[in-house]
Amino acid sequence: MTSAGLAANLAADAAAYRAVERIYHSYLTGLILMLASRAGAPRAAEVVFRTFRRQQLARFLPGLKKLGLDRLPHAVACAQYHYLSNQVGGVKVEYVHESDTKAWVRYPPPRWIWSGTAICGIPSEVSRAMLRGWHANNGVVLGNPRLGFVCTGQTVDGQPGLEGYYKEWDRDLAPEERLQFSPGERCPPFRADLAPRLPANTWPEERLQKVLRNYAMEYITSIVPETINVLGPEEGGHLAGAAARLVGMHTFDEVAAMLGGVEAGAVGFANAFARLARGQDDDAELQVEGSGAIVRQTSWRLMAEREALSPAVFDAWNELWVGAALAHDRFMRVEVTERRDRGDSCWCWKFG
């Protein structure tokens, strides 16, 4: 391949990564809004708590080592972890070191997770559930019962950012003390020149593009199964699928533009669908049949880590592409003809 061809191929991959990130980022926000408005704030908060706790248990300790933070004082390591890992994920974030036993992390507006006007529909307890799920459990995972998190502000409550600090007390904390609230305190000013930085040689641009994609995908890996675990396959599957269809419809124009356009008809959509699947590292293969097309894949990287999934998880997720297809051509048919979670050798979609 020529250098020009290689550059074009990398550009195409980057476009697919960006489009995948956009789809899943929107689905995360949309699903939480759907849960808060249809299932109620307490159950939405429980789904969010479980989502962030699962993420924390799976990613926190390996992330500390990967970022080279595992030998720092615990309060500092935790705050730097949130600063660096969220920054890599495209999240606006700040970090302030106050002492080896007290370090701040602040997420100024606009909040990544509540993009645009979505923040207006997020109850306070849903925001708190994120902190309960992750920040309050870092001390437990580190084996340090003296470490807790103090939240001093939440954007959803009208304050200028979600902020707080990790603190190591001189005594063990009770479980209910691991997350505390102190709205009268304010995070000191952020100085970028004093903040930690990622080594450029280990985080090249291509790797960062994939990290942005993975960051959004991992939330969906967690939240869709947790929605169905909390609400059950009937209600949870319905709400997760309804949110997916709406997001698929409402992001399709933007996604198509990111991909450089999608040709009209079923074949044009199937091409885009296969490209997005490959942008998620799935082995999608396209077969054109007249005015229609078939896409087959044996992998489903999004849920590869999850075992014993309810069929409702696939049904809900698939509504993303049904919604996108409706936005592309409302007369086009999308049919799932084979499913690996039902014993077939692959997943197969027919577009016509």
Protein backbone atom coordinates (compact mmCIF):
# COMPACT_ATOMS: atom_id res chain seq x y z
CA MET A 1 0.00 0.00 0.00
CA THR A 2 1.28 3.48 -0.87
CA SER A 3 1.82 6.09 1.84
CA ALA A 4 -1.21 7.96 0.50
CA GLY A 5 -3.31 4.79 0.67
CA LEU A 6 -2.11 4.06 4.18
CA ALA A 7 -2.98 7.58 5.28
CA ALA A 8 -6.46 7.24 3.76
CA ASN A 9 -6.96 3.91 5.53
CA LEU A 10 -5.95 5.39 8.89
CA ALA A 11 -8.23 8.37 8.28
CA ALA A 12 -11.12 6.01 7.54
CA ASP A 13 -10.45 4.09 10.75
CA ALA A 14 -10.32 7.31 12.75
CA ALA A 15 -13.65 8.39 11.29
CA ALA A 16 -15.23 5.08 12.26
CA TYR A 17 -13.79 5.34 15.76
CA ARG A 18 -15.24 8.82 16.15
CA ALA A 19 -18.63 7.71 14.86
CA VAL A 20 -18.73 4.71 17.20
CA GLU A 21 -17.77 6.94 20.13
CA ARG A 22 -20.57 9.34 19.23
CA ILE A 23 -23.19 6.59 19.00
CA TYR A 24 -22.35 5.01 22.34
CA HIS A 25 -21.79 8.29 24.16
CA SER A 26 -25.28 9.37 23.05
CA TYR A 27 -26.76 6.00 24.01
CA LEU A 28 -25.30 6.21 27.51
CA THR A 29 -26.83 9.63 28.12
CA GLY A 30 -30.10 8.73 26.42
CA LEU A 31 -30.56 5.51 28.35
CA ILE A 32 -30.02 7.21 31.71
CA LEU A 33 -32.54 9.91 30.73
CA MET A 34 -34.99 7.22 29.63
CA LEU A 35 -34.61 5.42 32.96
CA ALA A 36 -34.95 8.59 35.04
CA SER A 37 -38.07 9.72 33.18
CA ARG A 38 -39.80 6.34 32.73
CA ALA A 39 -38.60 4.13 35.57
CA GLY A 40 -38.06 6.84 38.21
CA ALA A 41 -35.01 8.36 39.83
CA PRO A 42 -34.41 5.63 42.48
CA ARG A 43 -34.24 2.80 39.93
CA ALA A 44 -32.24 4.92 37.50
CA ALA A 45 -29.80 5.63 40.34
CA GLU A 46 -29.51 1.90 41.10
CA VAL A 47 -28.64 1.15 37.46
CA VAL A 48 -26.05 3.94 37.43
CA PHE A 49 -24.59 2.76 40.76
CA ARG A 50 -24.20 -0.80 39.44
CA THR A 51 -22.74 0.45 36.16
CA PHE A 52 -20.05 2.53 37.84
CA ARG A 53 -19.29 -0.10 40.48
CA ARG A 54 -18.74 -2.69 37.79
CA GLN A 55 -16.49 -0.29 35.89
CA GLN A 56 -14.56 0.52 39.04
CA LEU A 57 -13.96 -3.11 40.00
CA ALA A 58 -12.86 -4.00 36.47
CA ARG A 59 -10.76 -0.95 35.56
CA PHE A 60 -9.44 0.88 38.60
CA LEU A 61 -6.50 -1.24 39.79
CA PRO A 62 -5.27 -2.18 36.28
CA GLY A 63 -5.63 1.48 35.31
CA LEU A 64 -3.49 2.65 38.22
CA LYS A 65 -0.67 0.38 37.06
CA LYS A 66 -1.07 1.27 33.39
CA LEU A 67 -0.87 4.98 34.20
CA GLY A 68 2.09 4.48 36.55
CA LEU A 69 0.23 5.70 39.65
CA ASP A 70 0.19 2.58 41.80
CA ARG A 71 3.06 3.68 44.08
CA LEU A 72 1.73 7.14 44.90
CA PRO A 73 -0.01 8.00 48.19
CA HIS A 74 -3.56 6.69 47.87
CA ALA A 75 -5.44 10.01 47.90
CA VAL A 76 -3.10 11.42 45.26
CA ALA A 77 -3.17 8.25 43.16
CA CYS A 78 -6.98 8.22 43.07
CA ALA A 79 -7.30 11.87 42.07
CA GLN A 80 -4.59 11.55 39.42
CA TYR A 81 -6.24 8.40 38.09
CA HIS A 82 -9.52 10.24 37.52
CA TYR A 83 -7.67 13.18 35.99
CA LEU A 84 -5.61 11.15 33.52
CA SER A 85 -8.10 8.43 32.63
CA ASN A 86 -10.94 10.87 32.01
CA GLN A 87 -8.67 13.20 30.07
CA VAL A 88 -7.70 10.31 27.80
CA GLY A 89 -11.42 9.61 27.37
CA GLY A 90 -12.09 13.14 26.17
CA VAL A 91 -13.62 14.36 29.43
CA LYS A 92 -12.98 17.87 30.69
CA VAL A 93 -11.33 17.41 34.09
CA GLU A 94 -9.04 19.16 36.58
CA TYR A 95 -6.71 18.01 39.37
CA VAL A 96 -5.32 19.84 42.42
CA HIS A 97 -2.78 18.41 44.88
CA GLU A 98 -3.31 19.78 48.37
CA SER A 99 -1.25 17.24 50.33
CA ASP A 100 -0.29 13.58 50.23
CA THR A 101 -3.49 12.81 52.12
CA LYS A 102 -5.84 15.20 50.26
CA ALA A 103 -6.15 15.67 46.50
CA TRP A 104 -8.96 17.21 44.43
CA VAL A 105 -10.61 16.18 41.19
CA ARG A 106 -13.05 18.46 39.38
CA TYR A 107 -15.23 17.97 36.30
CA PRO A 108 -16.14 21.44 35.03
CA PRO A 109 -19.03 22.04 32.63
CA PRO A 110 -19.92 20.91 30.09
CA ARG A 111 -20.12 17.44 31.59
CA TRP A 112 -19.18 14.71 29.11
CA ILE A 113 -21.74 12.24 30.33
CA TRP A 114 -24.65 14.74 30.23
CA SER A 115 -23.91 16.29 26.85
CA GLY A 116 -25.90 19.32 25.73
CA THR A 117 -29.22 19.98 27.44
CA ALA A 118 -29.46 16.41 28.79
CA ILE A 119 -28.17 17.65 32.15
CA CYS A 120 -31.57 19.27 32.75
CA GLY A 121 -33.15 15.81 33.07
CA ILE A 122 -30.68 14.22 35.50
CA PRO A 123 -31.83 13.96 39.13
CA SER A 124 -29.32 14.70 41.87
CA GLU A 125 -29.48 11.16 43.22
CA VAL A 126 -28.45 9.75 39.84
CA SER A 127 -25.33 11.91 39.91
CA ARG A 128 -24.61 10.82 43.48
CA ALA A 129 -24.97 7.19 42.39
CA MET A 130 -21.90 7.55 40.17
CA LEU A 131 -19.86 8.66 43.15
CA ARG A 132 -21.21 5.84 45.32
CA GLY A 133 -20.44 3.34 42.60
CA TRP A 134 -16.85 4.41 41.95
CA HIS A 135 -15.27 7.11 44.12
CA ALA A 136 -16.57 5.75 47.42
CA ASN A 137 -15.14 2.29 46.71
CA ASN A 138 -11.54 3.17 45.83
CA GLY A 139 -10.36 2.87 49.41
CA VAL A 140 -12.00 -0.55 49.70
CA VAL A 141 -10.29 -1.83 46.55
CA LEU A 142 -6.94 -0.41 47.68
CA GLY A 143 -7.30 -2.07 51.07
CA ASN A 144 -7.22 1.33 52.78
CA PRO A 145 -10.23 1.73 55.13
CA ARG A 146 -9.17 5.31 55.97
CA LEU A 147 -9.63 6.61 52.43
CA GLY A 148 -12.87 8.32 51.39
CA PHE A 149 -14.24 10.89 48.97
CA VAL A 150 -15.85 14.22 49.88
CA CYS A 151 -18.11 15.76 47.22
CA THR A 152 -18.21 19.55 47.40
CA GLY A 153 -20.42 20.27 44.37
CA GLN A 154 -22.55 18.73 41.64
CA THR A 155 -23.26 20.30 38.27
CA VAL A 156 -26.79 18.85 38.21
CA ASP A 157 -27.52 20.89 41.36
CA GLY A 158 -26.52 24.12 39.60
CA GLN A 159 -22.97 24.27 40.91
CA PRO A 160 -20.07 25.02 38.51
CA GLY A 161 -18.86 21.46 38.17
CA LEU A 162 -18.82 18.08 39.87
CA GLU A 163 -15.96 18.32 42.32
CA GLY A 164 -14.54 16.88 45.49
CA TYR A 165 -11.42 15.46 47.09
CA TYR A 166 -9.96 12.18 48.18
CA LYS A 167 -8.90 12.29 51.80
CA GLU A 168 -7.13 9.84 54.03
CA TRP A 169 -8.40 10.15 57.61
CA ASP A 170 -6.49 9.08 60.70
CA ARG A 171 -9.10 6.40 61.46
CA ASP A 172 -11.04 3.72 59.63
CA LEU A 173 -14.23 4.95 57.95
CA ALA A 174 -17.61 3.32 58.38
CA PRO A 175 -19.23 2.25 55.06
CA GLU A 176 -21.59 5.24 55.10
CA GLU A 177 -18.62 7.61 55.58
CA ARG A 178 -16.78 6.58 52.41
CA LEU A 179 -18.78 9.16 50.47
CA GLN A 180 -19.45 12.47 52.20
CA PHE A 181 -20.89 15.82 51.07
CA SER A 182 -19.53 19.23 52.03
CA PRO A 183 -21.09 21.85 49.70
CA GLY A 184 -19.56 24.77 51.60
CA GLU A 185 -16.02 23.92 50.42
CA ARG A 186 -14.58 24.95 47.05
CA CYS A 187 -11.90 23.34 44.93
CA PRO A 188 -8.73 25.49 44.71
CA PRO A 189 -7.80 26.93 41.29
CA PHE A 190 -6.52 24.43 38.74
CA ARG A 191 -2.99 24.90 37.36
CA ALA A 192 -2.34 22.83 34.26
CA ASP A 193 1.42 23.29 34.60
CA LEU A 194 1.35 21.43 37.93
CA ALA A 195 -0.91 18.60 36.76
CA PRO A 196 0.38 15.15 35.75
CA ARG A 197 0.81 14.38 32.06
CA LEU A 198 0.77 11.26 29.95
CA PRO A 199 4.07 10.35 28.25
CA ALA A 200 3.57 11.16 24.56
CA ASN A 201 5.66 8.19 23.45
CA THR A 202 3.31 5.69 25.10
CA TRP A 203 0.07 7.47 24.09
CA PRO A 204 0.38 8.22 20.35
CA GLU A 205 -2.56 9.72 18.45
CA GLU A 206 -3.79 6.42 17.01
CA ARG A 207 -3.93 4.88 20.49
CA LEU A 208 -5.81 7.90 21.85
CA GLN A 209 -8.42 7.60 19.07
CA LYS A 210 -9.07 4.01 20.10
CA VAL A 211 -9.21 4.94 23.77
CA LEU A 212 -11.94 7.51 23.07
CA ARG A 213 -13.93 4.83 21.31
CA ASN A 214 -13.32 2.25 24.04
CA TYR A 215 -14.22 4.73 26.78
CA ALA A 216 -17.76 5.13 25.41
CA MET A 217 -18.16 1.47 24.49
CA GLU A 218 -17.28 0.23 27.97
CA TYR A 219 -20.11 2.19 29.52
CA ILE A 220 -22.58 0.43 27.23
CA THR A 221 -20.96 -2.91 28.04
CA SER A 222 -21.95 -2.24 31.63
CA ILE A 223 -25.18 -0.23 31.57
CA VAL A 224 -27.34 -2.26 29.19
CA PRO A 225 -26.97 -5.56 31.11
CA GLU A 226 -27.34 -3.71 34.42
CA THR A 227 -30.56 -2.07 33.20
CA ILE A 228 -31.98 -5.50 32.46
CA ASN A 229 -30.66 -6.93 35.75
CA VAL A 230 -32.36 -4.19 37.77
CA LEU A 231 -35.62 -3.79 35.85
CA GLY A 232 -35.95 -7.27 34.38
CA PRO A 233 -35.83 -8.36 30.72
CA GLU A 234 -39.33 -7.13 29.90
CA GLU A 235 -39.27 -3.59 31.32
CA GLY A 236 -35.50 -3.14 31.20
CA GLY A 237 -35.26 -4.53 27.69
CA HIS A 238 -38.10 -2.31 26.52
CA LEU A 239 -36.61 0.89 27.96
CA ALA A 240 -33.05 0.09 26.83
CA GLY A 241 -34.37 -0.70 23.35
CA ALA A 242 -36.59 2.37 23.18
CA ALA A 243 -33.67 4.62 24.11
CA ALA A 244 -31.45 2.85 21.56
CA ARG A 245 -33.93 3.34 18.71
CA LEU A 246 -34.33 7.04 19.48
CA VAL A 247 -30.57 7.54 19.71
CA GLY A 248 -30.03 5.62 16.48
CA MET A 249 -32.51 7.87 14.67
CA HIS A 250 -31.20 11.10 16.14
CA THR A 251 -27.48 10.46 15.69
CA PHE A 252 -27.59 8.97 12.19
CA ASP A 253 -27.12 12.23 10.26
CA GLU A 254 -24.12 13.16 12.39
CA VAL A 255 -22.65 9.67 12.14
CA ALA A 256 -23.14 9.62 8.37
CA ALA A 257 -21.32 12.94 8.09
CA MET A 258 -18.45 11.60 10.22
CA LEU A 259 -18.14 8.66 7.84
CA GLY A 260 -17.98 10.97 4.84
CA GLY A 261 -21.55 10.23 3.78
CA VAL A 262 -23.72 7.13 3.38
CA GLU A 263 -25.03 6.16 -0.04
CA ALA A 264 -28.77 5.82 -0.54
CA GLY A 265 -30.53 2.49 -0.29
CA ALA A 266 -30.05 -0.71 1.64
CA VAL A 267 -26.58 -1.40 0.24
CA GLY A 268 -25.35 2.04 1.25
CA PHE A 269 -26.63 1.54 4.79
CA ALA A 270 -25.20 -1.99 5.00
CA ASN A 271 -21.81 -0.64 3.96
CA ALA A 272 -21.93 1.92 6.76
CA PHE A 273 -23.17 -0.70 9.24
CA ALA A 274 -20.28 -3.03 8.38
CA ARG A 275 -17.78 -0.19 8.61
CA LEU A 276 -19.07 0.79 12.06
CA ALA A 277 -18.88 -2.85 13.14
CA ARG A 278 -15.25 -3.04 12.00
CA GLY A 279 -14.71 0.27 13.80
CA GLN A 280 -15.62 -1.67 16.97
CA ASP A 281 -13.05 -4.37 16.06
CA ASP A 282 -15.70 -6.85 14.95
CA ASP A 283 -15.11 -9.15 11.97
CA ALA A 284 -18.02 -7.90 9.85
CA GLU A 285 -18.30 -9.16 6.28
CA LEU A 286 -20.56 -7.55 3.69
CA GLN A 287 -22.32 -9.48 0.93
CA VAL A 288 -24.33 -7.54 -1.67
CA GLU A 289 -27.38 -9.27 -3.16
CA GLY A 290 -28.99 -7.14 -5.83
CA SER A 291 -30.55 -4.08 -4.18
CA GLY A 292 -30.09 -5.60 -0.74
CA ALA A 293 -27.18 -6.76 1.40
CA ILE A 294 -26.23 -9.13 4.21
CA VAL A 295 -23.72 -8.46 7.00
CA ARG A 296 -22.30 -11.34 9.03
CA GLN A 297 -19.98 -11.28 12.02
CA THR A 298 -18.82 -13.93 14.47
CA SER A 299 -17.57 -11.51 17.13
CA TRP A 300 -19.41 -9.06 19.36
CA ARG A 301 -16.60 -7.21 21.08
CA LEU A 302 -18.96 -4.91 22.96
CA MET A 303 -20.22 -7.76 25.15
CA ALA A 304 -17.26 -10.15 24.90
CA GLU A 305 -16.51 -9.73 28.62
CA ARG A 306 -20.07 -10.42 29.74
CA GLU A 307 -21.23 -13.97 30.38
CA ALA A 308 -24.73 -15.45 30.55
CA LEU A 309 -26.34 -12.40 28.99
CA SER A 310 -30.10 -12.18 28.65
CA PRO A 311 -31.21 -12.20 24.99
CA ALA A 312 -32.85 -8.87 25.86
CA VAL A 313 -29.38 -7.25 25.85
CA PHE A 314 -28.85 -7.98 22.16
CA ASP A 315 -32.45 -7.05 21.34
CA ALA A 316 -32.05 -3.65 23.02
CA TRP A 317 -28.64 -2.93 21.49
CA ASN A 318 -29.83 -3.90 18.01
CA GLU A 319 -32.42 -1.11 18.19
CA LEU A 320 -29.56 1.38 17.72
CA TRP A 321 -29.19 0.12 14.15
CA VAL A 322 -32.93 -0.22 13.59
CA GLY A 323 -33.28 3.45 14.54
CA ALA A 324 -30.38 4.45 12.31
CA ALA A 325 -31.91 2.50 9.42
CA LEU A 326 -35.25 4.26 9.94
CA ALA A 327 -33.51 7.62 9.70
CA HIS A 328 -31.67 6.51 6.56
CA ASP A 329 -34.72 5.05 4.77
CA ARG A 330 -37.94 4.43 6.66
CA PHE A 331 -39.07 1.88 4.04
CA MET A 332 -35.96 -0.28 4.36
CA ARG A 333 -36.27 -3.62 6.13
CA VAL A 334 -33.73 -4.75 8.74
CA GLU A 335 -33.93 -8.38 9.77
CA VAL A 336 -31.70 -10.35 12.14
CA THR A 337 -31.62 -13.83 10.61
CA GLU A 338 -28.95 -15.53 12.76
CA ARG A 339 -27.72 -15.03 16.33
CA ARG A 340 -24.76 -16.61 18.09
CA ASP A 341 -26.48 -16.15 21.45
CA ARG A 342 -29.13 -18.57 20.14
CA GLY A 343 -26.72 -21.19 18.87
CA ASP A 344 -26.03 -19.97 15.33
CA SER A 345 -22.48 -19.70 13.98
CA CYS A 346 -22.68 -15.93 13.54
CA TRP A 347 -24.80 -12.85 13.84
CA CYS A 348 -26.42 -12.00 10.53
CA TRP A 349 -28.37 -8.94 9.43
CA LYS A 350 -30.32 -8.68 6.19
CA PHE A 351 -30.97 -5.23 4.74
CA GLY A 352 -33.46 -4.76 1.94
